[in-house]
C-alpha atoms as a PDB file:
ATOM      1  CA  UNK A   1     -21.531  16.130  -4.331  1.00  0.00           C
ATOM      2  CA  UNK A   2     -19.450  15.871  -1.512  1.00  0.00           C
ATOM      3  CA  UNK A   3     -16.075  17.033  -0.266  1.00  0.00           C
ATOM      4  CA  UNK A   4     -13.645  15.416   1.645  1.00  0.00           C
ATOM      5  CA  UNK A   5     -10.511  16.982   3.049  1.00  0.00           C
ATOM      6  CA  UNK A   6      -8.174  13.659   4.370  1.00  0.00           C
ATOM      7  CA  UNK A   7      -4.667  12.591   4.814  1.00  0.00           C
ATOM      8  CA  UNK A   8      -3.539   9.669   2.493  1.00  0.00           C
ATOM      9  CA  UNK A   9      -1.113   6.923   1.924  1.00  0.00           C
ATOM     10  CA  UNK A  10      -0.134   6.950  -1.629  1.00  0.00           C
ATOM     11  CA  UNK A  11      -0.139   3.160  -2.543  1.00  0.00           C
ATOM     12  CA  UNK A  12      -0.244   2.942  -6.184  1.00  0.00           C
ATOM     13  CA  UNK A  13      -0.658   4.367  -9.928  1.00  0.00           C
ATOM     14  CA  UNK A  14      -2.071   3.306 -12.913  1.00  0.00           C
ATOM     15  CA  UNK A  15      -2.961   5.123 -15.869  1.00  0.00           C
ATOM     16  CA  UNK A  16      -6.072   6.042 -17.319  1.00  0.00           C
ATOM     17  CA  UNK A  17      -6.673   6.881 -20.814  1.00  0.00           C
ATOM     18  CA  UNK A  18      -4.440   9.596 -22.520  1.00  0.00           C
ATOM     19  CA  UNK A  19      -3.679  12.422 -19.356  1.00  0.00           C
ATOM     20  CA  UNK A  20      -5.344  10.852 -16.275  1.00  0.00           C
ATOM     21  CA  UNK A  21      -4.304   8.321 -13.612  1.00  0.00           C
ATOM     22  CA  UNK A  22      -6.502   6.097 -11.000  1.00  0.00           C
ATOM     23  CA  UNK A  23      -4.578   6.411  -7.918  1.00  0.00           C
ATOM     24  CA  UNK A  24      -4.989   3.936  -4.955  1.00  0.00           C
ATOM     25  CA  UNK A  25      -4.870   5.676  -1.825  1.00  0.00           C
ATOM     26  CA  UNK A  26      -5.375   4.500   1.604  1.00  0.00           C
ATOM     27  CA  UNK A  27      -6.751   6.856   4.071  1.00  0.00           C
ATOM     28  CA  UNK A  28      -7.567   7.076   8.061  1.00  0.00           C
ATOM     29  CA  UNK A  29     -10.678   8.111   7.449  1.00  0.00           C
ATOM     30  CA  UNK A  30     -12.296   6.607   4.544  1.00  0.00           C
ATOM     31  CA  UNK A  31     -10.290   3.737   4.181  1.00  0.00           C
ATOM     32  CA  UNK A  32      -8.528   2.069   1.098  1.00  0.00           C
ATOM     33  CA  UNK A  33     -10.159   4.197  -2.107  1.00  0.00           C
ATOM     34  CA  UNK A  34      -9.156   4.611  -5.836  1.00  0.00           C
ATOM     35  CA  UNK A  35      -9.089   8.384  -6.965  1.00  0.00           C
ATOM     36  CA  UNK A  36      -9.287   9.718 -10.616  1.00  0.00           C
ATOM     37  CA  UNK A  37      -6.602  12.542 -10.677  1.00  0.00           C
ATOM     38  CA  UNK A  38      -8.035  14.351 -13.846  1.00  0.00           C
ATOM     39  CA  UNK A  39      -4.531  15.580 -15.653  1.00  0.00           C
ATOM     40  CA  UNK A  40      -1.657  14.438 -13.329  1.00  0.00           C
ATOM     41  CA  UNK A  41      -0.313  12.789 -16.377  1.00  0.00           C
ATOM     42  CA  UNK A  42       0.347  15.643 -18.436  1.00  0.00           C
ATOM     43  CA  UNK A  43       3.609  17.783 -18.042  1.00  0.00           C
ATOM     44  CA  UNK A  44       2.646  20.629 -15.874  1.00  0.00           C
ATOM     45  CA  UNK A  45       0.505  18.920 -13.673  1.00  0.00           C
ATOM     46  CA  UNK A  46       0.293  20.508 -10.459  1.00  0.00           C
ATOM     47  CA  UNK A  47      -0.592  16.747  -8.974  1.00  0.00           C
ATOM     48  CA  UNK A  48       2.026  14.416 -10.330  1.00  0.00           C
ATOM     49  CA  UNK A  49       4.821  15.359  -7.899  1.00  0.00           C
ATOM     50  CA  UNK A  50       2.932  14.860  -5.144  1.00  0.00           C
ATOM     51  CA  UNK A  51       0.924  11.289  -5.963  1.00  0.00           C
ATOM     52  CA  UNK A  52       4.890   9.593  -5.678  1.00  0.00           C
ATOM     53  CA  UNK A  53       4.044   6.121  -4.672  1.00  0.00           C
ATOM     54  CA  UNK A  54       4.498   6.344  -0.447  1.00  0.00           C
ATOM     55  CA  UNK A  55       3.989   9.700  -0.284  1.00  0.00           C
ATOM     56  CA  UNK A  56       1.788  11.325   2.449  1.00  0.00           C
ATOM     57  CA  UNK A  57      -0.651  13.374   1.268  1.00  0.00           C
ATOM     58  CA  UNK A  58      -3.199  15.987   1.914  1.00  0.00           C
ATOM     59  CA  UNK A  59      -6.323  15.735   0.202  1.00  0.00           C
ATOM     60  CA  UNK A  60      -9.192  17.241  -1.439  1.00  0.00           C
ATOM     61  CA  UNK A  61     -11.823  14.663  -2.983  1.00  0.00           C
ATOM     62  CA  UNK A  62     -15.396  15.468  -4.341  1.00  0.00           C
ATOM     63  CA  UNK A  63     -17.353  12.262  -4.708  1.00  0.00           C
ATOM     64  CA  UNK A  64     -20.205  11.845  -7.079  1.00  0.00           C
ATOM     65  CA  UNK A  65     -20.372   8.731  -8.546  1.00  0.00           C
ATOM     66  CA  UNK A  66     -16.838   8.090  -7.763  1.00  0.00           C
ATOM     67  CA  UNK A  67     -13.939  10.080  -5.946  1.00  0.00           C
ATOM     68  CA  UNK A  68     -12.149  12.621  -8.034  1.00  0.00           C
ATOM     69  CA  UNK A  69      -8.913  14.645  -6.896  1.00  0.00           C
ATOM     70  CA  UNK A  70      -8.673  18.241  -6.722  1.00  0.00           C
ATOM     71  CA  UNK A  71      -6.210  18.969  -4.448  1.00  0.00           C
ATOM     72  CA  UNK A  72      -2.400  17.459  -2.994  1.00  0.00           C
ATOM     73  CA  UNK A  73      -0.030  18.291  -1.138  1.00  0.00           C
ATOM     74  CA  UNK A  74       2.790  16.073   0.051  1.00  0.00           C
ATOM     75  CA  UNK A  75       3.514  16.381   3.933  1.00  0.00           C
ATOM     76  CA  UNK A  76       5.657  13.596   4.105  1.00  0.00           C
ATOM     77  CA  UNK A  77       8.272  11.283   1.691  1.00  0.00           C
ATOM     78  CA  UNK A  78      10.149   7.962   2.359  1.00  0.00           C
ATOM     79  CA  UNK A  79      12.700   9.212   5.483  1.00  0.00           C
ATOM     80  CA  UNK A  80      16.069   8.172   4.733  1.00  0.00           C
ATOM     81  CA  UNK A  81      18.394   6.626   6.678  1.00  0.00           C
ATOM     82  CA  UNK A  82      21.377   3.988   6.182  1.00  0.00           C
ATOM     83  CA  UNK A  83      19.198   1.320   5.256  1.00  0.00           C
ATOM     84  CA  UNK A  84      17.197   3.529   2.650  1.00  0.00           C
ATOM     85  CA  UNK A  85      17.137   0.469   0.099  1.00  0.00           C
ATOM     86  CA  UNK A  86      15.911  -2.270   2.210  1.00  0.00           C
ATOM     87  CA  UNK A  87      13.460   0.182   4.141  1.00  0.00           C
ATOM     88  CA  UNK A  88      12.007   1.679   0.667  1.00  0.00           C
ATOM     89  CA  UNK A  89      11.614  -2.108  -0.778  1.00  0.00           C
ATOM     90  CA  UNK A  90      10.161  -3.126   2.688  1.00  0.00           C
ATOM     91  CA  UNK A  91       7.539  -0.463   2.513  1.00  0.00           C
ATOM     92  CA  UNK A  92       6.809  -0.913  -1.438  1.00  0.00           C
ATOM     93  CA  UNK A  93       6.034  -4.773   0.237  1.00  0.00           C
ATOM     94  CA  UNK A  94       3.178  -3.056   2.461  1.00  0.00           C
ATOM     95  CA  UNK A  95       2.179  -0.807  -0.090  1.00  0.00           C
ATOM     96  CA  UNK A  96       1.560  -4.249  -2.459  1.00  0.00           C
ATOM     97  CA  UNK A  97       0.236  -6.197   0.628  1.00  0.00           C
ATOM     98  CA  UNK A  98      -2.325  -3.375   1.040  1.00  0.00           C
ATOM     99  CA  UNK A  99      -3.666  -3.200  -2.301  1.00  0.00           C
ATOM    100  CA  UNK A 100      -4.199  -7.234  -2.217  1.00  0.00           C
ATOM    101  CA  UNK A 101      -5.581  -7.939   1.010  1.00  0.00           C
ATOM    102  CA  UNK A 102      -7.434  -4.655   2.017  1.00  0.00           C
ATOM    103  CA  UNK A 103     -11.398  -3.914   0.821  1.00  0.00           C
ATOM    104  CA  UNK A 104     -11.858  -0.806   0.150  1.00  0.00           C
ATOM    105  CA  UNK A 105     -13.543   1.641   2.005  1.00  0.00           C
ATOM    106  CA  UNK A 106     -12.490  -0.592   5.377  1.00  0.00           C
ATOM    107  CA  UNK A 107     -10.659   2.014   7.991  1.00  0.00           C
ATOM    108  CA  UNK A 108      -8.674   0.898   9.870  1.00  0.00           C
ATOM    109  CA  UNK A 109      -6.975   2.897  12.107  1.00  0.00           C
ATOM    110  CA  UNK A 110      -3.969   0.762  13.386  1.00  0.00           C
ATOM    111  CA  UNK A 111      -2.843  -0.062  10.091  1.00  0.00           C
ATOM    112  CA  UNK A 112      -3.135   4.087   9.123  1.00  0.00           C
ATOM    113  CA  UNK A 113      -0.458   4.832  11.747  1.00  0.00           C
ATOM    114  CA  UNK A 114       1.683   2.073  11.488  1.00  0.00           C
ATOM    115  CA  UNK A 115       2.488   2.403   7.916  1.00  0.00           C
ATOM    116  CA  UNK A 116       2.346   6.187   8.354  1.00  0.00           C
ATOM    117  CA  UNK A 117       5.064   5.759  10.938  1.00  0.00           C
ATOM    118  CA  UNK A 118       7.299   3.477   8.806  1.00  0.00           C
ATOM    119  CA  UNK A 119       7.157   6.541   5.821  1.00  0.00           C
ATOM    120  CA  UNK A 120       7.533   9.446   8.360  1.00  0.00           C
ATOM    121  CA  UNK A 121      10.093   7.385  11.118  1.00  0.00           C
ATOM    122  CA  UNK A 122      11.821   4.271   9.990  1.00  0.00           C
ATOM    123  CA  UNK A 123      11.435   1.003  11.631  1.00  0.00           C
ATOM    124  CA  UNK A 124       8.761  -2.035  11.402  1.00  0.00           C
ATOM    125  CA  UNK A 125       8.956  -5.211   9.312  1.00  0.00           C
ATOM    126  CA  UNK A 126       6.753  -7.037   6.567  1.00  0.00           C
ATOM    127  CA  UNK A 127       5.942  -9.433   9.077  1.00  0.00           C
ATOM    128  CA  UNK A 128       5.253  -7.082  12.094  1.00  0.00           C
ATOM    129  CA  UNK A 129       2.451  -5.300   9.363  1.00  0.00           C
ATOM    130  CA  UNK A 130       0.849  -8.574   8.212  1.00  0.00           C
ATOM    131  CA  UNK A 131       0.446  -9.540  12.037  1.00  0.00           C
ATOM    132  CA  UNK A 132      -1.388  -6.290  12.340  1.00  0.00           C
ATOM    133  CA  UNK A 133      -3.539  -7.187   8.955  1.00  0.00           C
ATOM    134  CA  UNK A 134      -4.436 -10.476  10.696  1.00  0.00           C
ATOM    135  CA  UNK A 135      -2.056 -13.229   9.063  1.00  0.00           C
ATOM    136  CA  UNK A 136       0.491 -14.158  11.971  1.00  0.00           C
ATOM    137  CA  UNK A 137       3.311 -15.969  10.406  1.00  0.00           C
ATOM    138  CA  UNK A 138       4.124 -17.584  14.350  1.00  0.00           C
ATOM    139  CA  UNK A 139       1.902 -20.620  14.052  1.00  0.00           C
ATOM    140  CA  UNK A 140       1.431 -20.855  10.133  1.00  0.00           C
ATOM    141  CA  UNK A 141       2.140 -24.008   7.804  1.00  0.00           C
ATOM    142  CA  UNK A 142       2.423 -24.342   4.437  1.00  0.00           C
ATOM    143  CA  UNK A 143      -0.598 -24.539   2.816  1.00  0.00           C
ATOM    144  CA  UNK A 144       0.965 -27.107   0.384  1.00  0.00           C
ATOM    145  CA  UNK A 145       3.554 -29.447   2.394  1.00  0.00           C
ATOM    146  CA  UNK A 146       2.031 -28.878   5.869  1.00  0.00           C
ATOM    147  CA  UNK A 147       5.999 -27.286   6.620  1.00  0.00           C
ATOM    148  CA  UNK A 148       6.044 -25.710   9.702  1.00  0.00           C
ATOM    149  CA  UNK A 149       8.700 -23.090   8.861  1.00  0.00           C
ATOM    150  CA  UNK A 150       6.759 -20.570   6.465  1.00  0.00           C
ATOM    151  CA  UNK A 151       9.174 -18.489   4.281  1.00  0.00           C
ATOM    152  CA  UNK A 152       6.573 -16.834   1.880  1.00  0.00           C
ATOM    153  CA  UNK A 153       3.197 -14.859   1.850  1.00  0.00           C
ATOM    154  CA  UNK A 154       0.781 -15.594  -1.027  1.00  0.00           C
ATOM    155  CA  UNK A 155      -1.039 -12.614  -1.363  1.00  0.00           C
ATOM    156  CA  UNK A 156      -2.907 -14.050  -4.181  1.00  0.00           C
ATOM    157  CA  UNK A 157      -3.947 -16.579  -2.054  1.00  0.00           C
ATOM    158  CA  UNK A 158      -4.178 -14.919   1.364  1.00  0.00           C
ATOM    159  CA  UNK A 159      -2.045 -18.377   2.344  1.00  0.00           C
ATOM    160  CA  UNK A 160       1.632 -19.196   3.958  1.00  0.00           C
ATOM    161  CA  UNK A 161       4.444 -20.884   1.934  1.00  0.00           C
ATOM    162  CA  UNK A 162       8.164 -23.161   2.278  1.00  0.00           C
ATOM    163  CA  UNK A 163      11.006 -21.903   0.806  1.00  0.00           C
ATOM    164  CA  UNK A 164      10.327 -25.228  -1.374  1.00  0.00           C
ATOM    165  CA  UNK A 165       7.172 -24.413  -2.245  1.00  0.00           C
ATOM    166  CA  UNK A 166       7.434 -20.766  -2.612  1.00  0.00           C
ATOM    167  CA  UNK A 167       9.719 -22.165  -6.355  1.00  0.00           C
ATOM    168  CA  UNK A 168       6.503 -23.558  -7.793  1.00  0.00           C
ATOM    169  CA  UNK A 169       4.122 -20.397  -7.549  1.00  0.00           C
ATOM    170  CA  UNK A 170       3.924 -17.127  -9.174  1.00  0.00           C
ATOM    171  CA  UNK A 171       7.034 -15.017  -7.603  1.00  0.00           C
ATOM    172  CA  UNK A 172       4.598 -11.921  -8.722  1.00  0.00           C
ATOM    173  CA  UNK A 173       2.165 -12.550  -5.634  1.00  0.00           C
ATOM    174  CA  UNK A 174       4.790 -14.071  -3.115  1.00  0.00           C
ATOM    175  CA  UNK A 175       6.525 -11.664  -0.276  1.00  0.00           C
ATOM    176  CA  UNK A 176       9.545 -12.896   1.827  1.00  0.00           C
ATOM    177  CA  UNK A 177       8.659 -12.559   5.356  1.00  0.00           C
ATOM    178  CA  UNK A 178      12.135 -13.924   7.126  1.00  0.00           C
END
């Protein structure tokens, strides 16, 4: 069994059984990983408050056949500011995009630092984040009608779409980029 100590950003949480959860983390060293957090759904769990979505956390993991969380400590939460609601929405879109566009175990230091700075200091846009991931809307056209002005990014199919064509696609997979 190997032990890892790393910094991570919580991208999402899913229930697993009665008391456990699967935590989706993005780390600088390991990339995107899924971690089993044993007992994190129990009322007196030491992990629960540290594993809120978009928290920057110091984590200790054990790895045998899968990653298991052994310790977690919050190092940063979403930075406040005057436009906290808009910033939080942008950060949640970035987390959604990472969960759908990034493969497991593929570290990317540029993406790590950009997302960490967005959480700690504020600033950044979903458009710039997509460019960082390799999806530049500057020269993109709508995948359906070939319109030059794209307004949405479809995370499920990795395509840009215009506002007109976006009405025909499931809204659960779209990210507004204007």
